[in-house]
Amino acid sequence: MTENPSKPTPITRADCARLASLKDARLSGVTYHYFPPADGTYYAGGEKGVDHILAAVDLDLGDRSTTAITWAMAGELEGLGILEGESYSGIASEVLDAADREAWREHIGNRITSVAASWQISGEDCPESLWSIRLNFATGSIVIALGTAYPHLDYEPDELVVVSDKSLAHSYKPIHVSDSSWGAPIEPT
């Protein structure tokens, strides 16, 4: 992995073309960057259908290189940030190859068929920013969203959850947003 000198900024609706460009990319691998458990044990991942305590998810998109999805803040503007062509390098130094985890196993080697997004307004005078992204594959869908799963699925602006359970993704809707983490499709421009 390379060092990441970039600081991610929250994705806004003006960046929809960047999100849509993920369509047709082949997923070759997934790496989690996580916060080490306080008790010193290894990463367990969370509840069935949800991986949590994550700082970033690196998607190895083969010939398109790596795309890192992480949380990002710029003043009151907060949301998911995307680093294209780079791996995450930040406060969470622990890494885990997540390709064999339940959430990702069936999607490795498959192409992203479409992308969906959910938006939020994180502060006064802030534009809408991305808080959840859904990657659809012929084999199913994965949601990456701001949040935590401890003790239950809830909004947290500086952590990520990966939701592989469709019903959980449909029901995960923080009070300050209008759409669940399942989101709405983004059409390529």
C-alpha atoms as a PDB file:
ATOM      1  CA  MET A   1       0.000   0.000   0.000  1.00  0.00           C
ATOM      2  CA  THR A   2       1.114   3.502  -0.690  1.00  0.00           C
ATOM      3  CA  GLU A   3       1.064   6.367   1.753  1.00  0.00           C
ATOM      4  CA  ASN A   4      -1.901   8.638   1.221  1.00  0.00           C
ATOM      5  CA  PRO A   5      -0.982  12.307   1.304  1.00  0.00           C
ATOM      6  CA  SER A   6      -4.528  13.331   0.373  1.00  0.00           C
ATOM      7  CA  LYS A   7      -7.160  14.413   2.821  1.00  0.00           C
ATOM      8  CA  PRO A   8     -10.597  13.305   1.678  1.00  0.00           C
ATOM      9  CA  THR A   9     -13.384  15.852   1.428  1.00  0.00           C
ATOM     10  CA  PRO A  10     -17.074  15.011   1.722  1.00  0.00           C
ATOM     11  CA  ILE A  11     -18.773  14.058  -1.539  1.00  0.00           C
ATOM     12  CA  THR A  12     -21.630  16.409  -2.481  1.00  0.00           C
ATOM     13  CA  ARG A  13     -24.376  16.059  -5.101  1.00  0.00           C
ATOM     14  CA  ALA A  14     -22.131  17.997  -7.471  1.00  0.00           C
ATOM     15  CA  ASP A  15     -19.850  14.915  -7.418  1.00  0.00           C
ATOM     16  CA  CYS A  16     -22.482  12.444  -8.695  1.00  0.00           C
ATOM     17  CA  ALA A  17     -20.482  11.733 -11.852  1.00  0.00           C
ATOM     18  CA  ARG A  18     -17.586  10.482  -9.679  1.00  0.00           C
ATOM     19  CA  LEU A  19     -19.927   8.070  -7.927  1.00  0.00           C
ATOM     20  CA  ALA A  20     -21.519   6.899 -11.166  1.00  0.00           C
ATOM     21  CA  SER A  21     -18.051   6.227 -12.602  1.00  0.00           C
ATOM     22  CA  LEU A  22     -17.757   3.238 -10.243  1.00  0.00           C
ATOM     23  CA  LYS A  23     -20.244   1.418 -12.486  1.00  0.00           C
ATOM     24  CA  ASP A  24     -18.718  -1.455 -14.463  1.00  0.00           C
ATOM     25  CA  ALA A  25     -15.597  -1.622 -12.268  1.00  0.00           C
ATOM     26  CA  ARG A  26     -14.610  -5.183 -11.331  1.00  0.00           C
ATOM     27  CA  LEU A  27     -14.129  -5.751  -7.601  1.00  0.00           C
ATOM     28  CA  SER A  28     -10.844  -7.619  -7.078  1.00  0.00           C
ATOM     29  CA  GLY A  29     -10.403  -7.154  -3.334  1.00  0.00           C
ATOM     30  CA  VAL A  30     -11.480  -5.291  -0.200  1.00  0.00           C
ATOM     31  CA  THR A  31      -9.444  -4.047   2.756  1.00  0.00           C
ATOM     32  CA  TYR A  32     -10.869  -2.686   6.008  1.00  0.00           C
ATOM     33  CA  HIS A  33      -9.037  -0.045   8.013  1.00  0.00           C
ATOM     34  CA  TYR A  34     -10.402  -0.327  11.515  1.00  0.00           C
ATOM     35  CA  PHE A  35     -10.050   0.969  15.019  1.00  0.00           C
ATOM     36  CA  PRO A  36      -8.422  -1.682  17.239  1.00  0.00           C
ATOM     37  CA  PRO A  37     -10.763  -3.137  19.876  1.00  0.00           C
ATOM     38  CA  ALA A  38     -10.190  -1.617  23.317  1.00  0.00           C
ATOM     39  CA  ASP A  39      -9.619  -5.058  24.831  1.00  0.00           C
ATOM     40  CA  GLY A  40      -6.687  -5.733  22.487  1.00  0.00           C
ATOM     41  CA  THR A  41      -8.348  -8.605  20.644  1.00  0.00           C
ATOM     42  CA  TYR A  42      -8.474  -9.007  16.865  1.00  0.00           C
ATOM     43  CA  TYR A  43     -11.199  -7.531  14.661  1.00  0.00           C
ATOM     44  CA  ALA A  44     -14.442  -9.482  15.032  1.00  0.00           C
ATOM     45  CA  GLY A  45     -16.547  -7.374  12.683  1.00  0.00           C
ATOM     46  CA  GLY A  46     -19.824  -6.932  14.453  1.00  0.00           C
ATOM     47  CA  GLU A  47     -23.298  -8.332  14.092  1.00  0.00           C
ATOM     48  CA  LYS A  48     -24.693 -10.572  11.360  1.00  0.00           C
ATOM     49  CA  GLY A  49     -25.129  -8.501   8.227  1.00  0.00           C
ATOM     50  CA  VAL A  50     -23.071  -5.531   9.512  1.00  0.00           C
ATOM     51  CA  ASP A  51     -19.326  -4.909   9.800  1.00  0.00           C
ATOM     52  CA  HIS A  52     -18.461  -1.877  11.903  1.00  0.00           C
ATOM     53  CA  ILE A  53     -15.814   0.108  13.816  1.00  0.00           C
ATOM     54  CA  LEU A  54     -14.322   1.005  10.439  1.00  0.00           C
ATOM     55  CA  ALA A  55     -12.412   4.109   9.409  1.00  0.00           C
ATOM     56  CA  ALA A  56     -12.195   3.238   5.717  1.00  0.00           C
ATOM     57  CA  VAL A  57     -12.900   0.604   3.100  1.00  0.00           C
ATOM     58  CA  ASP A  58     -10.389   0.202   0.256  1.00  0.00           C
ATOM     59  CA  LEU A  59     -11.911  -1.275  -2.887  1.00  0.00           C
ATOM     60  CA  ASP A  60      -9.404  -2.888  -5.245  1.00  0.00           C
ATOM     61  CA  LEU A  61     -10.999  -2.233  -8.619  1.00  0.00           C
ATOM     62  CA  GLY A  62      -8.348  -4.053 -10.636  1.00  0.00           C
ATOM     63  CA  ASP A  63      -7.293  -2.039 -13.676  1.00  0.00           C
ATOM     64  CA  ARG A  64      -9.013   1.022 -12.193  1.00  0.00           C
ATOM     65  CA  SER A  65      -6.709   0.883  -9.166  1.00  0.00           C
ATOM     66  CA  THR A  66      -7.828   1.369  -5.566  1.00  0.00           C
ATOM     67  CA  THR A  67     -10.710   3.515  -4.398  1.00  0.00           C
ATOM     68  CA  ALA A  68     -10.865   4.312  -0.686  1.00  0.00           C
ATOM     69  CA  ILE A  69     -14.192   5.190   0.932  1.00  0.00           C
ATOM     70  CA  THR A  70     -13.854   6.907   4.299  1.00  0.00           C
ATOM     71  CA  TRP A  71     -15.501   9.525   6.481  1.00  0.00           C
ATOM     72  CA  ALA A  72     -14.564  13.120   5.817  1.00  0.00           C
ATOM     73  CA  MET A  73     -15.145  16.540   7.363  1.00  0.00           C
ATOM     74  CA  ALA A  74     -14.591  20.103   6.190  1.00  0.00           C
ATOM     75  CA  GLY A  75     -15.909  22.406   8.881  1.00  0.00           C
ATOM     76  CA  GLU A  76     -19.594  21.566   9.399  1.00  0.00           C
ATOM     77  CA  LEU A  77     -19.716  19.627   6.130  1.00  0.00           C
ATOM     78  CA  GLU A  78     -19.424  15.933   6.924  1.00  0.00           C
ATOM     79  CA  GLY A  79     -20.030  12.819   4.896  1.00  0.00           C
ATOM     80  CA  LEU A  80     -18.354  10.028   3.004  1.00  0.00           C
ATOM     81  CA  GLY A  81     -15.182  10.913   1.137  1.00  0.00           C
ATOM     82  CA  ILE A  82     -13.675   9.000  -1.762  1.00  0.00           C
ATOM     83  CA  LEU A  83     -10.008   8.801  -2.676  1.00  0.00           C
ATOM     84  CA  GLU A  84      -9.478   7.485  -6.190  1.00  0.00           C
ATOM     85  CA  GLY A  85      -6.258   5.677  -7.018  1.00  0.00           C
ATOM     86  CA  GLU A  86      -5.148   5.675  -3.393  1.00  0.00           C
ATOM     87  CA  SER A  87      -5.367   3.541  -0.295  1.00  0.00           C
ATOM     88  CA  TYR A  88      -6.526   5.042   2.964  1.00  0.00           C
ATOM     89  CA  SER A  89      -3.858   6.257   5.355  1.00  0.00           C
ATOM     90  CA  GLY A  90      -5.125   7.870   8.513  1.00  0.00           C
ATOM     91  CA  ILE A  91      -5.804   7.428  12.184  1.00  0.00           C
ATOM     92  CA  ALA A  92      -6.834   3.759  11.943  1.00  0.00           C
ATOM     93  CA  SER A  93      -3.643   1.800  11.380  1.00  0.00           C
ATOM     94  CA  GLU A  94      -5.095  -1.703  11.707  1.00  0.00           C
ATOM     95  CA  VAL A  95      -5.928  -3.432   8.410  1.00  0.00           C
ATOM     96  CA  LEU A  96      -7.844  -6.565   7.495  1.00  0.00           C
ATOM     97  CA  ASP A  97      -8.284  -8.299   4.151  1.00  0.00           C
ATOM     98  CA  ALA A  98     -12.086  -8.322   4.020  1.00  0.00           C
ATOM     99  CA  ALA A  99     -12.508 -10.226   0.744  1.00  0.00           C
ATOM    100  CA  ASP A 100     -13.396 -13.434   2.614  1.00  0.00           C
ATOM    101  CA  ARG A 101     -15.864 -11.778   4.966  1.00  0.00           C
ATOM    102  CA  GLU A 102     -19.529 -12.664   4.533  1.00  0.00           C
ATOM    103  CA  ALA A 103     -20.379  -9.192   3.234  1.00  0.00           C
ATOM    104  CA  TRP A 104     -17.937  -9.311   0.321  1.00  0.00           C
ATOM    105  CA  ARG A 105     -17.165 -12.960  -0.484  1.00  0.00           C
ATOM    106  CA  GLU A 106     -19.782 -13.450  -3.208  1.00  0.00           C
ATOM    107  CA  HIS A 107     -19.005 -10.122  -4.918  1.00  0.00           C
ATOM    108  CA  ILE A 108     -15.247 -10.556  -5.477  1.00  0.00           C
ATOM    109  CA  GLY A 109     -14.558 -10.867  -9.198  1.00  0.00           C
ATOM    110  CA  ASN A 110     -17.900  -9.291 -10.145  1.00  0.00           C
ATOM    111  CA  ARG A 111     -18.582  -5.930 -11.731  1.00  0.00           C
ATOM    112  CA  ILE A 112     -20.475  -3.094 -10.062  1.00  0.00           C
ATOM    113  CA  THR A 113     -23.721  -2.941 -12.058  1.00  0.00           C
ATOM    114  CA  SER A 114     -25.027   0.305 -10.552  1.00  0.00           C
ATOM    115  CA  VAL A 115     -24.508   2.752  -7.704  1.00  0.00           C
ATOM    116  CA  ALA A 116     -27.044   4.343  -5.337  1.00  0.00           C
ATOM    117  CA  ALA A 117     -26.630   7.123  -2.783  1.00  0.00           C
ATOM    118  CA  SER A 118     -28.259   8.696   0.263  1.00  0.00           C
ATOM    119  CA  TRP A 119     -27.733  12.359   1.104  1.00  0.00           C
ATOM    120  CA  GLN A 120     -27.777  14.491   4.238  1.00  0.00           C
ATOM    121  CA  ILE A 121     -27.422  18.113   5.251  1.00  0.00           C
ATOM    122  CA  SER A 122     -24.840  18.039   8.023  1.00  0.00           C
ATOM    123  CA  GLY A 123     -24.834  21.698   9.031  1.00  0.00           C
ATOM    124  CA  GLU A 124     -26.346  25.095   8.437  1.00  0.00           C
ATOM    125  CA  ASP A 125     -25.581  26.438   4.959  1.00  0.00           C
ATOM    126  CA  CYS A 126     -23.926  23.135   3.971  1.00  0.00           C
ATOM    127  CA  PRO A 127     -24.734  21.453   0.652  1.00  0.00           C
ATOM    128  CA  GLU A 128     -26.121  17.936   0.643  1.00  0.00           C
ATOM    129  CA  SER A 129     -23.359  15.430   1.291  1.00  0.00           C
ATOM    130  CA  LEU A 130     -23.119  11.682   0.811  1.00  0.00           C
ATOM    131  CA  TRP A 131     -23.727   9.654   3.975  1.00  0.00           C
ATOM    132  CA  SER A 132     -24.365   6.273   2.349  1.00  0.00           C
ATOM    133  CA  ILE A 133     -23.405   4.547  -0.897  1.00  0.00           C
ATOM    134  CA  ARG A 134     -24.816   1.282  -2.247  1.00  0.00           C
ATOM    135  CA  LEU A 135     -22.798  -0.813  -4.672  1.00  0.00           C
ATOM    136  CA  ASN A 136     -24.942  -3.220  -6.681  1.00  0.00           C
ATOM    137  CA  PHE A 137     -23.572  -6.402  -8.214  1.00  0.00           C
ATOM    138  CA  ALA A 138     -25.304  -9.201 -10.118  1.00  0.00           C
ATOM    139  CA  THR A 139     -24.778 -11.188  -6.889  1.00  0.00           C
ATOM    140  CA  GLY A 140     -26.418  -8.640  -4.536  1.00  0.00           C
ATOM    141  CA  SER A 141     -25.710  -5.302  -2.883  1.00  0.00           C
ATOM    142  CA  ILE A 142     -23.411  -3.777  -0.272  1.00  0.00           C
ATOM    143  CA  VAL A 143     -24.038  -0.514   1.593  1.00  0.00           C
ATOM    144  CA  ILE A 144     -21.185   1.548   3.045  1.00  0.00           C
ATOM    145  CA  ALA A 145     -22.498   4.261   5.363  1.00  0.00           C
ATOM    146  CA  LEU A 146     -21.570   6.565   8.174  1.00  0.00           C
ATOM    147  CA  GLY A 147     -22.505   4.807  11.382  1.00  0.00           C
ATOM    148  CA  THR A 148     -21.847   2.380  14.166  1.00  0.00           C
ATOM    149  CA  ALA A 149     -23.473  -0.930  15.069  1.00  0.00           C
ATOM    150  CA  TYR A 150     -22.797  -0.835  18.789  1.00  0.00           C
ATOM    151  CA  PRO A 151     -25.088  -1.449  20.542  1.00  0.00           C
ATOM    152  CA  HIS A 152     -27.376  -1.077  17.495  1.00  0.00           C
ATOM    153  CA  LEU A 153     -27.155   0.438  14.017  1.00  0.00           C
ATOM    154  CA  ASP A 154     -26.979   4.212  14.511  1.00  0.00           C
ATOM    155  CA  TYR A 155     -25.533   7.312  12.865  1.00  0.00           C
ATOM    156  CA  GLU A 156     -21.939   8.223  13.735  1.00  0.00           C
ATOM    157  CA  PRO A 157     -20.174  10.798  11.523  1.00  0.00           C
ATOM    158  CA  ASP A 158     -16.644   9.478  12.058  1.00  0.00           C
ATOM    159  CA  GLU A 159     -17.095   5.731  11.665  1.00  0.00           C
ATOM    160  CA  LEU A 160     -18.283   3.468   8.865  1.00  0.00           C
ATOM    161  CA  VAL A 161     -20.536   0.446   8.713  1.00  0.00           C
ATOM    162  CA  VAL A 162     -20.748  -2.068   5.881  1.00  0.00           C
ATOM    163  CA  VAL A 163     -24.288  -3.438   5.645  1.00  0.00           C
ATOM    164  CA  SER A 164     -24.843  -6.613   3.635  1.00  0.00           C
ATOM    165  CA  ASP A 165     -28.336  -7.360   4.958  1.00  0.00           C
ATOM    166  CA  LYS A 166     -30.877  -5.743   2.604  1.00  0.00           C
ATOM    167  CA  SER A 167     -33.600  -5.352   5.248  1.00  0.00           C
ATOM    168  CA  LEU A 168     -31.154  -3.676   7.649  1.00  0.00           C
ATOM    169  CA  ALA A 169     -29.999  -1.317   4.894  1.00  0.00           C
ATOM    170  CA  HIS A 170     -33.620  -0.389   4.141  1.00  0.00           C
ATOM    171  CA  SER A 171     -34.375   0.217   7.826  1.00  0.00           C
ATOM    172  CA  TYR A 172     -31.201   2.167   8.697  1.00  0.00           C
ATOM    173  CA  LYS A 173     -32.398   5.781   8.508  1.00  0.00           C
ATOM    174  CA  PRO A 174     -31.013   8.370  10.928  1.00  0.00           C
ATOM    175  CA  ILE A 175     -33.564  10.971  12.026  1.00  0.00           C
ATOM    176  CA  HIS A 176     -31.853  13.856  10.199  1.00  0.00           C
ATOM    177  CA  VAL A 177     -32.016  12.307   6.704  1.00  0.00           C
ATOM    178  CA  SER A 178     -34.878  11.718   4.271  1.00  0.00           C
ATOM    179  CA  ASP A 179     -33.738   8.400   2.734  1.00  0.00           C
ATOM    180  CA  SER A 180     -32.572   5.149   4.276  1.00  0.00           C
ATOM    181  CA  SER A 181     -29.042   3.920   3.688  1.00  0.00           C
ATOM    182  CA  TRP A 182     -30.398   1.924   0.718  1.00  0.00           C
ATOM    183  CA  GLY A 183     -30.564   5.229  -1.184  1.00  0.00           C
ATOM    184  CA  ALA A 184     -31.634   6.058  -4.717  1.00  0.00           C
ATOM    185  CA  PRO A 185     -29.881   5.087  -7.974  1.00  0.00           C
ATOM    186  CA  ILE A 186     -27.364   7.468  -9.511  1.00  0.00           C
ATOM    187  CA  GLU A 187     -27.517   7.614 -13.269  1.00  0.00           C
ATOM    188  CA  PRO A 188     -24.293   8.051 -15.240  1.00  0.00           C
ATOM    189  CA  THR A 189     -24.071  11.418 -16.988  1.00  0.00           C
END
